[in-house]
Protein backbone atom coordinates (compact mmCIF):
# COMPACT_ATOMS: atom_id res chain seq x y z
CA MET A 1 99.38 122.92 125.02
CA PRO A 2 99.44 119.62 123.64
CA LEU A 3 96.82 117.91 121.45
CA LEU A 4 94.50 115.49 123.37
CA TYR A 5 92.65 112.87 121.71
CA HIS A 6 89.34 113.95 120.51
CA PRO A 7 86.81 111.51 119.17
CA ALA A 8 84.89 113.61 116.95
CA MET A 9 87.85 115.19 115.21
CA SER A 10 89.26 111.58 114.96
CA ASP A 11 85.97 110.45 113.30
CA ALA A 12 85.90 113.25 110.95
CA ARG A 13 89.59 112.37 109.80
CA LEU A 14 88.61 108.58 109.62
CA GLU A 15 85.64 109.53 107.36
CA GLN A 16 87.75 111.86 105.07
CA PHE A 17 90.26 109.16 104.56
CA LYS A 18 87.45 106.51 104.04
CA LYS A 19 86.18 108.70 101.33
CA MET A 20 89.72 109.01 100.00
CA VAL A 21 90.14 105.20 99.69
CA ALA A 22 86.56 104.97 98.07
CA GLN A 23 87.59 107.63 95.54
CA PHE A 24 91.34 106.32 94.87
CA PRO A 25 91.08 102.37 95.91
CA ASP A 26 94.31 101.85 93.77
CA ALA A 27 96.24 104.46 95.90
CA PRO A 28 98.47 102.89 98.41
CA MET A 29 98.82 106.35 100.19
CA ALA A 30 94.89 106.45 100.59
CA HIS A 31 95.01 103.09 102.51
CA PHE A 32 98.02 103.98 104.47
CA SER A 33 96.25 107.23 105.66
CA LEU A 34 93.36 105.54 106.81
CA GLY A 35 95.46 102.78 108.57
CA LYS A 36 97.55 105.33 110.21
CA ALA A 37 94.29 107.18 111.35
CA LEU A 38 92.81 103.77 112.58
CA LEU A 39 96.17 103.02 114.43
CA GLU A 40 96.09 106.19 116.43
CA ALA A 41 92.54 105.48 117.34
CA ARG A 42 93.68 102.01 118.70
CA ARG A 43 91.30 100.10 116.43
CA TYR A 44 94.24 97.68 115.43
CA ALA A 45 92.18 95.23 113.27
CA GLU A 46 90.95 97.73 111.07
CA ALA A 47 94.12 99.47 110.89
CA ALA A 48 95.74 96.20 109.90
CA GLU A 49 93.21 95.83 107.09
CA SER A 50 93.94 99.06 105.57
CA LEU A 51 97.80 98.78 105.97
CA GLU A 52 97.55 95.52 104.43
CA ALA A 53 95.87 96.94 101.50
CA ALA A 54 98.41 99.41 101.16
CA VAL A 55 101.26 97.14 100.98
CA ARG A 56 99.65 94.74 98.64
CA LEU A 57 99.44 97.66 96.41
CA ASP A 58 103.09 98.87 97.01
CA PRO A 59 105.09 95.92 98.64
CA GLN A 60 108.12 98.30 98.96
CA TYR A 61 106.11 100.97 101.10
CA ALA A 62 108.53 100.77 104.20
CA ALA A 63 106.31 103.32 106.10
CA ALA A 64 103.37 101.23 105.47
CA LEU A 65 105.16 97.98 106.72
CA VAL A 66 106.17 99.68 109.84
CA SER A 67 102.71 100.66 110.81
CA LEU A 68 101.35 97.29 109.91
CA GLY A 69 103.82 95.90 112.29
CA ASP A 70 102.53 98.26 114.94
CA ALA A 71 98.87 97.36 114.01
CA TYR A 72 99.71 93.79 114.64
CA SER A 73 101.75 94.38 117.72
CA GLY A 74 98.65 96.41 119.09
CA ALA A 75 96.58 93.58 118.50
CA GLY A 76 98.62 91.16 120.21
CA GLN A 77 99.73 89.33 117.20
CA THR A 78 103.50 89.34 118.03
CA SER A 79 104.89 86.90 115.50
CA ARG A 80 102.95 88.61 112.52
CA ALA A 81 104.30 91.97 113.92
CA ARG A 82 107.81 90.58 114.09
CA GLU A 83 107.62 89.20 110.39
CA VAL A 84 106.36 92.24 109.10
CA LEU A 85 108.82 94.52 110.72
CA THR A 86 111.62 92.40 109.66
CA ARG A 87 110.48 92.70 106.25
CA ALA A 88 110.00 96.56 106.72
CA ARG A 89 113.73 96.63 108.10
CA ASP A 90 114.96 94.80 104.87
CA THR A 91 112.91 97.10 102.82
CA ALA A 92 114.29 100.28 104.46
CA LEU A 93 117.84 99.11 104.22
CA ALA A 94 117.50 98.39 100.46
CA GLN A 95 116.13 101.94 100.09
CA SER A 96 119.05 103.17 102.09
CA HIS A 97 117.03 104.49 105.04
CA ALA A 98 119.52 103.60 107.84
CA SER A 99 117.57 105.70 110.25
CA LEU A 100 114.21 104.01 109.62
CA ALA A 101 116.06 100.60 109.89
CA GLU A 102 117.27 101.64 113.41
CA GLU A 103 113.81 102.57 114.34
CA ILE A 104 112.35 99.40 113.42
CA ASP A 105 115.23 97.66 115.30
CA GLU A 106 114.02 99.41 118.34
CA ARG A 107 110.29 98.02 117.72
CA LEU A 108 111.69 94.66 117.00
CA ALA A 109 113.66 94.53 120.40
CA GLY A 110 110.41 95.75 122.23
CA LEU A 111 108.66 92.51 121.00
CA GLU A 112 110.97 90.24 122.51
C-alpha cells in the first residue's frame, strides 16, 4: 500500500529537521534535509531558503543543487531553476556522476 501524504507526519519531520538545523547550523546536510522535507510539502519558497543555505555551505553539493532547482521550478522561477540545474549538471559531471547528470538533463528539458 503506498504511503499517502499525511500532514501531521510531515509536520513532525519538519520540526525534527528544524531542530537539526538549529543544533548544526553549519551542516549542509541539516539544511538539505529540511529543504527536501519542505519541497515534499510543496512549500517551495521555504524549501529554496534551506537549500540555498546548504549550497552556500557546500557549493559542490550536487543533490542540494538539484533540489534547489526543483524548488525554484515549483515556485515558478524557471530561469533561476535552469541556472541552478545547469550548475548542478556541471557539478555532477565534474564528480563523475553521469547518471545524475542525465537526470538533471531531463529536468532541464522539462523546463523548456
